[in-house]
Protein backbone atom coordinates (compact mmCIF):
# COMPACT_ATOMS: atom_id res chain seq x y z
CA MET A 1 -48.00 4.55 21.61
CA ALA A 2 -49.67 7.62 20.16
CA CYS A 3 -52.42 7.52 17.51
CA THR A 4 -54.71 5.13 19.31
CA THR A 5 -57.84 7.32 19.23
CA LEU A 6 -60.57 5.85 17.05
CA ALA A 7 -62.30 8.11 14.52
CA PHE A 8 -65.04 6.65 12.33
CA GLU A 9 -65.74 8.20 8.94
CA SER A 10 -69.06 6.37 8.71
CA PRO A 11 -71.83 7.34 11.15
CA ASP A 12 -72.79 3.71 11.45
CA PRO A 13 -69.87 1.30 10.96
CA PHE A 14 -72.01 -1.62 12.08
CA SER A 15 -74.29 -1.12 9.06
CA GLU A 16 -71.24 -1.41 6.83
CA VAL A 17 -70.27 -4.66 8.52
CA ARG A 18 -73.80 -5.98 8.09
CA HIS A 19 -73.70 -5.15 4.38
CA VAL A 20 -70.33 -6.85 3.87
CA ALA A 21 -71.45 -9.85 5.90
CA HIS A 22 -74.46 -10.30 3.63
CA GLN A 23 -72.19 -10.17 0.59
CA GLN A 24 -69.84 -12.75 2.14
CA LEU A 25 -72.79 -14.95 3.01
CA ASP A 26 -74.03 -14.85 -0.57
CA GLN A 27 -70.58 -15.85 -1.84
CA TRP A 28 -70.38 -18.66 0.68
CA LEU A 29 -73.87 -19.91 -0.20
CA ASP A 30 -72.75 -20.17 -3.81
CA GLN A 31 -70.25 -22.79 -2.62
CA LEU A 32 -73.15 -24.93 -1.40
CA GLN A 33 -74.48 -25.38 -4.92
CA PRO A 34 -72.47 -28.58 -5.58
CA LEU A 35 -74.25 -30.24 -2.66
CA PHE A 36 -77.56 -29.80 -4.47
CA ASP A 37 -76.23 -30.97 -7.84
CA GLN A 38 -75.35 -34.44 -6.62
CA GLU A 39 -77.50 -37.34 -7.74
CA LYS A 40 -77.53 -38.65 -4.18
CA PRO A 41 -78.01 -36.04 -1.42
CA PRO A 42 -75.01 -35.73 0.93
CA THR A 43 -75.10 -37.20 4.40
CA LEU A 44 -75.05 -35.08 7.53
CA LEU A 45 -71.35 -35.88 7.95
CA GLU A 46 -70.56 -34.78 4.40
CA ILE A 47 -72.50 -31.53 4.86
CA SER A 48 -70.66 -30.83 8.12
CA GLN A 49 -67.31 -31.55 6.49
CA HIS A 50 -68.16 -29.14 3.68
CA PHE A 51 -68.94 -26.46 6.27
CA THR A 52 -65.58 -27.03 7.96
CA ARG A 53 -63.71 -26.70 4.65
CA THR A 54 -65.50 -23.56 3.49
CA ARG A 55 -66.55 -21.63 6.58
CA THR A 56 -63.28 -19.69 6.75
CA THR A 57 -64.25 -18.01 3.48
CA LEU A 58 -67.33 -16.60 5.17
CA LEU A 59 -65.99 -15.88 8.65
CA GLY A 60 -62.62 -14.58 7.49
CA GLY A 61 -64.28 -12.02 5.24
CA VAL A 62 -66.67 -10.89 7.99
CA LEU A 63 -63.80 -10.62 10.46
CA GLN A 64 -61.84 -8.41 8.06
CA SER A 65 -64.84 -6.15 7.50
CA ILE A 66 -65.16 -5.68 11.27
CA ASN A 67 -61.46 -4.78 11.51
CA GLU A 68 -61.78 -2.24 8.71
CA ALA A 69 -64.88 -0.67 10.23
CA LEU A 70 -63.51 -0.42 13.77
CA TYR A 71 -60.00 0.71 12.79
CA ARG A 72 -60.60 2.87 9.72
CA HIS A 73 -58.71 5.73 11.34
CA PHE A 74 -55.55 3.63 11.44
CA LEU A 75 -56.01 2.52 7.84
CA GLU A 76 -56.42 6.07 6.53
CA GLN A 77 -54.17 8.09 8.82
CA GLN A 78 -51.55 10.29 7.17
CA GLN A 79 -49.61 11.44 10.22
CA CYS A 80 -48.56 9.95 13.52
CA ALA A 81 -46.31 10.92 16.44
CA CYS A 82 -43.14 8.92 17.02
CA PRO A 83 -43.73 6.83 20.15
CA GLN A 84 -40.17 7.46 21.34
CA CYS A 85 -39.40 11.14 20.68
CA GLY A 86 -42.86 12.51 19.89
CA LYS A 87 -41.84 13.93 16.51
CA ARG A 88 -44.70 14.30 14.04
CA LEU A 89 -44.24 11.87 11.17
CA ASN A 90 -45.80 11.62 7.73
CA LYS A 91 -46.87 8.31 6.27
CA LYS A 92 -43.97 6.70 4.45
CA ARG A 93 -45.82 3.95 2.58
CA VAL A 94 -48.62 1.40 2.82
CA ASP A 95 -47.77 -2.23 3.59
CA ALA A 96 -49.99 -5.25 3.17
CA LYS A 97 -50.27 -7.59 6.13
CA ARG A 98 -51.54 -11.08 5.49
CA TYR A 99 -52.80 -12.83 8.59
CA ASN A 100 -54.66 -15.98 9.54
CA THR A 101 -57.01 -16.62 12.45
CA LEU A 102 -59.22 -19.49 13.54
CA GLN A 103 -62.02 -17.73 11.66
CA GLY A 104 -60.08 -17.49 8.41
CA PRO A 105 -57.45 -15.44 6.55
CA GLY A 106 -57.41 -11.75 5.72
CA THR A 107 -55.24 -8.90 4.47
CA MET A 108 -54.89 -5.40 5.89
CA GLU A 109 -53.36 -2.51 3.92
CA ARG A 110 -51.94 -0.39 6.72
CA PRO A 111 -49.72 2.72 6.71
CA TYR A 112 -46.09 2.58 7.78
CA PHE A 113 -44.27 5.40 9.61
CA TYR A 114 -40.54 5.86 10.12
CA CYS A 115 -38.62 8.21 12.42
CA ARG A 116 -35.16 9.03 11.09
CA ASP A 117 -34.06 10.44 14.44
CA CYS A 118 -34.93 7.29 16.41
CA LYS A 119 -34.35 4.94 13.48
CA THR A 120 -37.61 3.25 14.33
CA GLY A 121 -40.35 2.14 11.98
CA PHE A 122 -43.81 0.97 12.97
CA HIS A 123 -47.38 0.30 11.87
CA PRO A 124 -49.86 1.87 14.35
CA LEU A 125 -52.56 -0.59 13.32
CA ASP A 126 -50.41 -3.50 14.48
CA GLU A 127 -50.51 -2.15 18.01
CA ALA A 128 -54.22 -1.49 17.95
CA LEU A 129 -55.09 -4.97 16.66
CA GLU A 130 -52.20 -6.78 18.39
CA LEU A 131 -51.07 -8.28 15.10
CA THR A 132 -48.10 -10.60 15.30
CA ARG A 133 -45.29 -10.58 12.78
CA ALA A 134 -46.17 -14.16 11.92
CA PHE A 135 -48.93 -15.21 9.54
CA HIS A 136 -50.81 -17.22 12.17
CA GLN A 137 -52.24 -15.02 14.91
CA TYR A 138 -52.50 -15.57 18.65
CA ASP A 139 -55.76 -17.53 18.64
CA ILE A 140 -54.19 -20.17 16.39
CA GLU A 141 -50.93 -20.15 18.34
CA GLU A 142 -52.77 -20.74 21.60
CA LYS A 143 -54.63 -23.80 20.30
CA VAL A 144 -51.53 -25.27 18.67
CA LEU A 145 -49.51 -24.65 21.81
CA LYS A 146 -51.98 -26.40 24.10
CA LEU A 147 -52.08 -29.47 21.85
CA ALA A 148 -48.30 -29.50 21.35
CA THR A 149 -47.78 -29.78 25.10
CA GLU A 150 -49.85 -32.97 25.04
CA MET A 151 -48.65 -34.78 21.91
CA PRO A 152 -46.00 -34.69 19.14
CA TYR A 153 -45.87 -31.48 17.13
CA GLU A 154 -46.90 -33.16 13.90
CA ARG A 155 -49.98 -34.72 15.47
CA ALA A 156 -50.91 -31.42 17.14
CA ALA A 157 -50.76 -29.64 13.79
CA GLU A 158 -52.88 -32.35 12.17
CA LEU A 159 -55.57 -32.05 14.83
CA VAL A 160 -55.74 -28.26 14.62
CA SER A 161 -56.07 -28.50 10.84
CA ASP A 162 -58.71 -31.23 11.04
CA LEU A 163 -60.80 -29.61 13.74
CA THR A 164 -60.67 -26.00 12.57
CA GLY A 165 -60.07 -26.20 8.84
CA VAL A 166 -57.02 -23.94 9.28
CA PRO A 167 -53.84 -25.55 7.89
CA VAL A 168 -50.93 -25.43 10.36
CA SER A 169 -47.45 -26.95 10.06
CA ASN A 170 -45.72 -28.91 12.81
CA HIS A 171 -42.78 -26.45 12.59
CA HIS A 172 -45.13 -23.65 13.61
CA GLY A 173 -46.09 -25.52 16.78
CA HIS A 174 -42.46 -26.32 17.59
CA ASN A 175 -41.32 -22.73 17.13
CA THR A 176 -44.25 -21.25 19.04
CA LEU A 177 -43.77 -23.59 21.98
CA ASN A 178 -40.08 -22.76 22.27
CA GLN A 179 -40.80 -19.02 22.14
CA VAL A 180 -43.43 -19.23 24.86
CA ALA A 181 -41.34 -21.62 26.96
CA ARG A 182 -38.46 -19.14 27.09
CA ILE A 183 -40.58 -16.67 29.07
CA ALA A 184 -42.26 -19.34 31.23
CA ASP A 185 -40.07 -18.94 34.30
CA LEU A 186 -40.73 -20.26 37.80
CA GLU A 187 -42.25 -16.96 38.93
CA THR A 188 -44.95 -17.30 36.27
CA VAL A 189 -45.44 -21.08 36.20
CA VAL A 190 -45.98 -21.40 39.95
CA PRO A 191 -49.13 -19.72 41.30
CA ASP A 192 -48.49 -16.54 43.24
CA ARG A 193 -48.82 -16.28 47.01
CA GLU A 194 -52.35 -14.86 46.83
CA GLU A 195 -53.61 -17.71 44.65
CA ILE A 196 -51.98 -20.35 46.85
CA ALA A 197 -53.52 -18.77 49.96
CA ARG A 198 -56.92 -18.77 48.26
CA ARG A 199 -56.69 -22.49 47.45
CA ILE A 200 -55.68 -23.31 51.01
CA GLU A 201 -58.53 -21.23 52.40
CA GLN A 202 -61.06 -22.99 50.18
CA ALA A 203 -59.81 -26.37 51.41
CA LYS A 204 -60.48 -25.54 55.06
CA THR A 205 -63.51 -27.12 56.73
CA THR A 206 -63.48 -24.56 59.55
CA PRO A 207 -61.72 -21.19 59.94
CA GLU A 208 -59.32 -22.81 62.43
CA ASP A 209 -58.62 -25.84 60.25
CA LYS A 210 -55.09 -26.40 58.99
CA PRO A 211 -55.11 -28.61 55.88
CA VAL A 212 -52.25 -31.04 55.28
CA LEU A 213 -49.84 -29.72 52.68
CA VAL A 214 -47.88 -32.55 51.10
CA VAL A 215 -44.50 -31.64 49.63
CA ALA A 216 -43.22 -34.59 47.62
CA LEU A 217 -39.88 -34.63 45.79
CA ASP A 218 -38.61 -37.29 43.41
CA GLY A 219 -36.61 -37.88 40.28
CA ALA A 220 -37.67 -39.19 36.88
CA HIS A 221 -35.61 -39.65 33.72
CA ALA A 222 -35.75 -38.18 30.24
CA PRO A 223 -33.80 -38.92 27.02
CA THR A 224 -31.52 -36.00 26.12
CA ARG A 225 -28.99 -35.24 23.40
CA PRO A 226 -26.35 -32.57 22.80
CA ARG A 227 -27.00 -29.78 20.32
CA GLY A 228 -25.91 -30.48 16.77
CA LYS A 229 -25.92 -34.26 17.17
CA ARG A 230 -28.38 -36.69 15.65
CA ARG A 231 -30.70 -38.27 18.13
CA GLY A 232 -31.35 -41.93 18.66
CA LYS A 233 -30.12 -44.88 20.64
CA ARG A 234 -27.02 -45.19 18.44
CA GLY A 235 -26.20 -41.53 18.78
CA PRO A 236 -24.62 -39.59 21.65
CA GLY A 237 -27.86 -39.15 23.60
CA LYS A 238 -28.11 -40.04 27.30
CA TRP A 239 -30.76 -40.27 29.99
CA ARG A 240 -30.78 -37.46 32.54
CA GLU A 241 -32.73 -37.02 35.73
CA VAL A 242 -35.80 -34.82 35.79
CA LYS A 243 -36.15 -33.53 39.32
CA GLY A 244 -39.73 -32.83 40.22
CA VAL A 245 -41.58 -31.44 43.22
CA ARG A 246 -45.31 -31.41 43.78
CA LEU A 247 -47.19 -29.53 46.49
CA TYR A 248 -50.81 -30.47 47.10
CA LEU A 249 -53.38 -30.53 49.86
CA ALA A 250 -54.13 -34.06 51.02
CA PRO A 251 -57.83 -34.82 50.65
CA LYS A 252 -60.08 -35.44 53.61
CA GLU A 253 -62.72 -36.48 51.15
CA GLY A 254 -62.75 -36.15 47.38
CA ARG A 255 -59.81 -35.14 45.20
CA VAL A 256 -56.52 -33.56 46.14
CA VAL A 257 -56.11 -29.80 45.70
CA GLN A 258 -53.19 -28.94 43.45
CA ILE A 259 -50.93 -26.18 44.73
CA ALA A 260 -47.87 -26.30 42.47
CA SER A 261 -45.68 -28.61 40.40
CA TRP A 262 -42.20 -27.82 39.14
CA HIS A 263 -40.12 -30.26 37.08
CA GLN A 264 -36.77 -29.57 35.44
CA ILE A 265 -33.70 -31.36 34.11
CA GLN A 266 -31.20 -29.82 36.50
CA ASP A 267 -28.87 -30.60 39.40
CA ALA A 268 -29.93 -30.87 43.04
CA GLN A 269 -28.53 -27.50 44.12
CA ILE A 270 -30.50 -25.52 41.53
CA MET A 271 -33.61 -27.53 42.34
CA GLN A 272 -33.20 -26.64 46.01
CA GLU A 273 -32.97 -22.96 45.15
CA ASP A 274 -36.13 -23.25 43.06
CA ILE A 275 -38.06 -24.99 45.82
CA LYS A 276 -37.01 -22.31 48.31
CA LYS A 277 -38.67 -19.75 46.03
CA ILE A 278 -41.83 -21.86 45.98
CA ALA A 279 -41.72 -22.30 49.77
CA ALA A 280 -41.62 -18.52 50.17
CA ARG A 281 -45.08 -18.36 48.59
CA ILE A 282 -46.62 -20.82 51.03
CA PRO A 283 -48.42 -19.44 54.13
CA GLN A 284 -46.83 -22.16 56.25
CA ASP A 285 -48.64 -21.09 59.41
CA GLN A 286 -51.93 -22.04 57.71
CA VAL A 287 -51.03 -25.68 56.95
CA ARG A 288 -49.53 -28.82 58.46
CA ILE A 289 -46.66 -29.91 56.25
CA ALA A 290 -45.79 -33.49 55.38
CA LEU A 291 -42.50 -34.07 53.54
CA LEU A 292 -42.56 -37.22 51.42
CA GLY A 293 -39.64 -38.80 49.63
CA ASP A 294 -37.70 -41.98 48.99
CA GLY A 295 -34.31 -42.75 50.51
CA ALA A 296 -32.25 -40.42 48.32
CA ALA A 297 -30.03 -38.09 50.37
CA TRP A 298 -30.53 -35.11 48.05
CA VAL A 299 -34.31 -35.38 48.47
CA TRP A 300 -34.23 -35.02 52.26
CA LYS A 301 -31.52 -32.38 52.23
CA THR A 302 -33.64 -30.27 49.89
CA LEU A 303 -36.96 -30.80 51.66
CA VAL A 304 -35.59 -30.04 55.12
CA ALA A 305 -33.75 -26.94 53.90
CA CYS A 306 -36.91 -25.53 52.30
CA PHE A 307 -39.50 -26.69 54.87
CA PRO A 308 -37.64 -27.09 58.19
CA ASP A 309 -40.87 -27.49 60.20
CA GLY A 310 -42.33 -30.22 57.99
CA ARG A 311 -42.71 -33.80 59.23
CA GLN A 312 -40.52 -36.20 57.27
CA VAL A 313 -42.23 -39.36 56.01
CA LEU A 314 -40.45 -42.11 54.10
CA ASP A 315 -42.58 -43.26 51.20
CA TYR A 316 -44.11 -46.57 52.28
CA TYR A 317 -43.92 -48.11 48.82
CA HIS A 318 -40.21 -47.41 48.39
CA CYS A 319 -39.58 -48.94 51.79
CA SER A 320 -41.76 -51.91 50.87
CA GLU A 321 -39.78 -52.46 47.67
CA HIS A 322 -36.55 -52.85 49.66
CA VAL A 323 -38.20 -55.36 51.99
CA HIS A 324 -39.64 -57.33 49.08
CA LYS A 325 -36.23 -57.47 47.41
CA VAL A 326 -34.61 -59.08 50.48
CA ALA A 327 -37.49 -61.57 50.77
CA GLN A 328 -37.19 -62.49 47.09
CA THR A 329 -33.45 -63.14 47.26
CA ARG A 330 -33.69 -65.13 50.53
CA TYR A 331 -36.96 -67.04 50.22
CA GLY A 332 -37.93 -66.82 46.56
CA ASN A 333 -41.61 -67.05 45.62
CA SER A 334 -42.76 -68.98 48.64
CA PRO A 335 -45.31 -68.62 51.47
CA ARG A 336 -42.36 -68.00 53.82
CA ALA A 337 -41.45 -64.89 51.82
CA ILE A 338 -44.98 -63.49 52.16
CA GLU A 339 -45.02 -64.19 55.91
CA TRP A 340 -41.67 -62.46 56.43
CA ILE A 341 -42.70 -59.43 54.35
CA GLU A 342 -45.95 -58.94 56.24
CA ALA A 343 -44.29 -59.34 59.64
CA THR A 344 -41.46 -56.96 58.74
CA LEU A 345 -43.74 -54.24 57.37
CA ALA A 346 -46.00 -54.58 60.43
CA ARG A 347 -43.02 -53.96 62.73
CA LEU A 348 -41.91 -50.99 60.67
CA SER A 349 -45.43 -49.56 60.85
CA GLU A 350 -45.08 -49.62 64.63
CA ASN A 351 -41.66 -47.97 64.38
CA GLN A 352 -39.89 -51.12 65.60
CA VAL A 353 -36.94 -50.43 63.36
CA GLU A 354 -34.30 -51.75 65.75
CA SER A 355 -36.24 -55.01 66.06
CA VAL A 356 -36.26 -55.44 62.29
CA ILE A 357 -32.54 -54.63 62.06
CA TRP A 358 -31.78 -57.14 64.83
CA GLY A 359 -33.69 -59.81 62.91
CA LEU A 360 -31.83 -59.01 59.70
CA GLN A 361 -28.48 -59.29 61.48
CA ARG A 362 -29.38 -62.82 62.56
CA PHE A 363 -29.85 -63.96 58.96
CA GLN A 364 -27.41 -66.66 57.97
CA ALA A 365 -26.77 -65.33 54.49
CA GLN A 366 -24.00 -65.22 51.95
CA GLY A 367 -23.37 -63.77 48.51
CA VAL A 368 -26.21 -61.79 46.95
CA VAL A 369 -28.53 -62.37 49.91
CA GLN A 370 -25.96 -61.03 52.34
CA GLU A 371 -25.40 -57.95 50.20
CA GLU A 372 -29.14 -57.22 49.98
CA VAL A 373 -29.51 -57.65 53.75
CA LYS A 374 -26.65 -55.21 54.40
CA GLN A 375 -28.21 -52.64 52.07
CA LEU A 376 -31.59 -52.91 53.81
CA ILE A 377 -29.99 -52.49 57.24
CA THR A 378 -28.18 -49.36 56.08
CA TYR A 379 -31.35 -48.06 54.45
CA LEU A 380 -33.44 -48.53 57.60
CA ARG A 381 -30.86 -46.91 59.87
CA ASN A 382 -30.65 -43.88 57.60
CA GLN A 383 -34.44 -43.55 57.42
CA GLN A 384 -35.36 -44.53 60.99
CA GLU A 385 -36.78 -41.17 62.02
CA ARG A 386 -39.16 -41.22 59.05
CA LEU A 387 -40.67 -44.69 59.60
CA ASP A 388 -43.34 -44.38 62.32
CA TYR A 389 -46.26 -44.94 59.95
CA THR A 390 -48.79 -45.54 62.75
CA ALA A 391 -48.12 -42.13 64.27
CA VAL A 392 -48.04 -40.51 60.83
CA LYS A 393 -51.47 -41.89 59.91
CA ALA A 394 -52.84 -40.94 63.32
CA ALA A 395 -51.80 -37.35 62.57
CA GLY A 396 -53.76 -37.47 59.31
CA LEU A 397 -50.66 -37.43 57.11
CA PRO A 398 -50.15 -39.62 54.04
CA ILE A 399 -47.49 -42.33 53.92
CA GLY A 400 -47.34 -42.84 50.16
CA SER A 401 -45.81 -40.65 47.45
CA GLY A 402 -48.33 -41.51 44.76
CA GLY A 403 -48.91 -37.80 44.19
CA ILE A 404 -45.39 -37.15 42.93
CA GLU A 405 -45.23 -40.47 41.08
CA SER A 406 -48.34 -39.54 39.10
CA ALA A 407 -46.92 -36.05 38.49
CA ASN A 408 -43.70 -37.58 37.13
CA LYS A 409 -45.73 -39.70 34.77
CA PHE A 410 -48.17 -37.05 33.62
CA ILE A 411 -45.83 -34.06 33.42
CA SER A 412 -42.61 -35.73 32.31
CA HIS A 413 -43.04 -39.26 30.99
CA VAL A 414 -46.19 -38.80 28.90
CA ARG A 415 -44.60 -36.11 26.73
CA LEU A 416 -40.83 -36.57 26.99
CA LYS A 417 -40.52 -40.35 26.98
CA ARG A 418 -42.00 -41.02 23.57
CA SER A 419 -40.69 -43.44 20.99
CA GLY A 420 -37.74 -41.89 19.14
CA ALA A 421 -37.75 -38.68 21.17
CA TRP A 422 -34.37 -37.30 22.28
CA TRP A 423 -34.51 -33.78 23.70
CA LEU A 424 -32.15 -30.86 23.85
CA VAL A 425 -32.09 -30.03 27.55
CA GLU A 426 -33.36 -26.47 27.02
CA ASN A 427 -36.24 -27.70 24.85
CA GLY A 428 -37.12 -30.48 27.28
CA ASN A 429 -37.12 -28.04 30.18
CA GLY A 430 -39.30 -25.65 28.20
CA MET A 431 -41.81 -28.41 27.57
CA LEU A 432 -41.77 -29.34 31.27
CA ARG A 433 -42.41 -25.76 32.34
CA LEU A 434 -45.42 -25.44 30.08
CA ARG A 435 -46.82 -28.79 31.19
CA CYS A 436 -46.41 -27.69 34.80
CA ALA A 437 -48.27 -24.49 33.95
CA MET A 438 -51.17 -26.50 32.54
CA VAL A 439 -51.36 -28.51 35.77
CA ASN A 440 -50.90 -25.45 37.99
CA GLY A 441 -53.60 -23.44 36.22
CA THR A 442 -51.18 -20.68 35.16
CA PHE A 443 -51.05 -21.26 31.39
CA ASP A 444 -53.26 -18.25 30.57
CA ARG A 445 -50.96 -15.99 32.58
CA ILE A 446 -47.95 -17.26 30.65
CA PHE A 447 -49.63 -16.81 27.29
CA ALA A 448 -50.64 -13.26 28.23
CA LYS A 449 -47.01 -12.56 29.12
CA TYR A 450 -45.93 -13.97 25.77
CA ARG A 451 -48.41 -11.76 23.91
CA LYS A 452 -47.20 -8.67 25.73
CA LYS A 453 -43.56 -9.42 24.98
CA SER A 454 -43.92 -10.58 21.39
CA CYS A 455 -46.13 -7.82 19.98
CA PRO A 456 -43.97 -6.07 17.31
CA TYR A 457 -45.22 -2.53 17.78
CA LEU A 458 -41.78 -0.99 18.05
CA GLY A 459 -38.31 -1.68 16.89
CA THR A 460 -38.95 -2.63 13.26
CA ASN A 461 -36.03 -0.88 11.59
CA ALA A 462 -36.50 0.15 7.98
């Protein structure tokens, strides 16, 4: 936009700020007088609490004086060019803008310009300062947003108010999160190709090393409800699957290296399309890929379609659960059950799947036991090519999907599966995208995108 050149009337605007700051400090010090009038001197905690309650009076006033000194040209300008057609415009009026920051509140009296040809009104100072239309400015929104992705909106607002002394409502956090979530798409939430390549390069022990990239896919569940209906167990809400994928570098020593997480309430086909976009950002010639999943058909169909050269590995713990279930129904809680479980898992580790199936077929079982045995046989036949755990471990690949299980818990369950919470699908997905961004290290990029899109410099019709 035009009119962004600064022109100071005062030869030394910093001296003006210093003078105002001294005045604000004197006013703030006057508020300390009650502490000295008490019969019993206040404790350190009480003094600190007083500072928290009153510091915005001091800092807010100093902040406003800095704004006025740095942007006096915008406050006093009489003419400005229309940013769309270039027509020279005269000031139409002066509007007051009340705002609030983490340092305290303030008010700016700034000129308003209107172009009749373009039917566009604007305040040049809003662009220069990046003022939002809302009362609370970006620094407050960012803090509220980060807390609201971790805990209920009401609690997030309480913490911001307690820790900063700036009162914030839970509705503000809810509205801000939904606005930011709408622009948090996969392209922004998932690190770009350059960042992913950098993380892989840092994980290498030698230039020729190819770290193990684990791609794990699984489903969780979240409580959802239709729009316009009351939530709750007695209402029309239902549980829907949250499909989640996590890509990380398996550790040789130390912690895993996060590459990307993406979780959404959506069907398998859309999830596959999303993972293909993520796969396109992976320098697959620089890594050895391990595909980890349970026995679900949609999981393997998606993983193979997106990473055709990856080695498929059935999650050991899911396989173990099926074996334990057969042992429980046949032998109960007995030493024989433990012996059979250990022997069966040992054979599976050596890829002796046909031997295990042959043993299961020899079971003399009926009823529930027979049904469980049949299900395990079918399960093992379907997963046979993914069961050679000895060879998998020898290749340095993991056999457990703990990485995606922990991602399901941290990204989805911790925030979505709270007591009394029933989510609109779009709101739940928005929350998931932002929580993925926090894990992926892309939150700042999303918030910068939100700032760029939400700044109201143009388009305010009179």
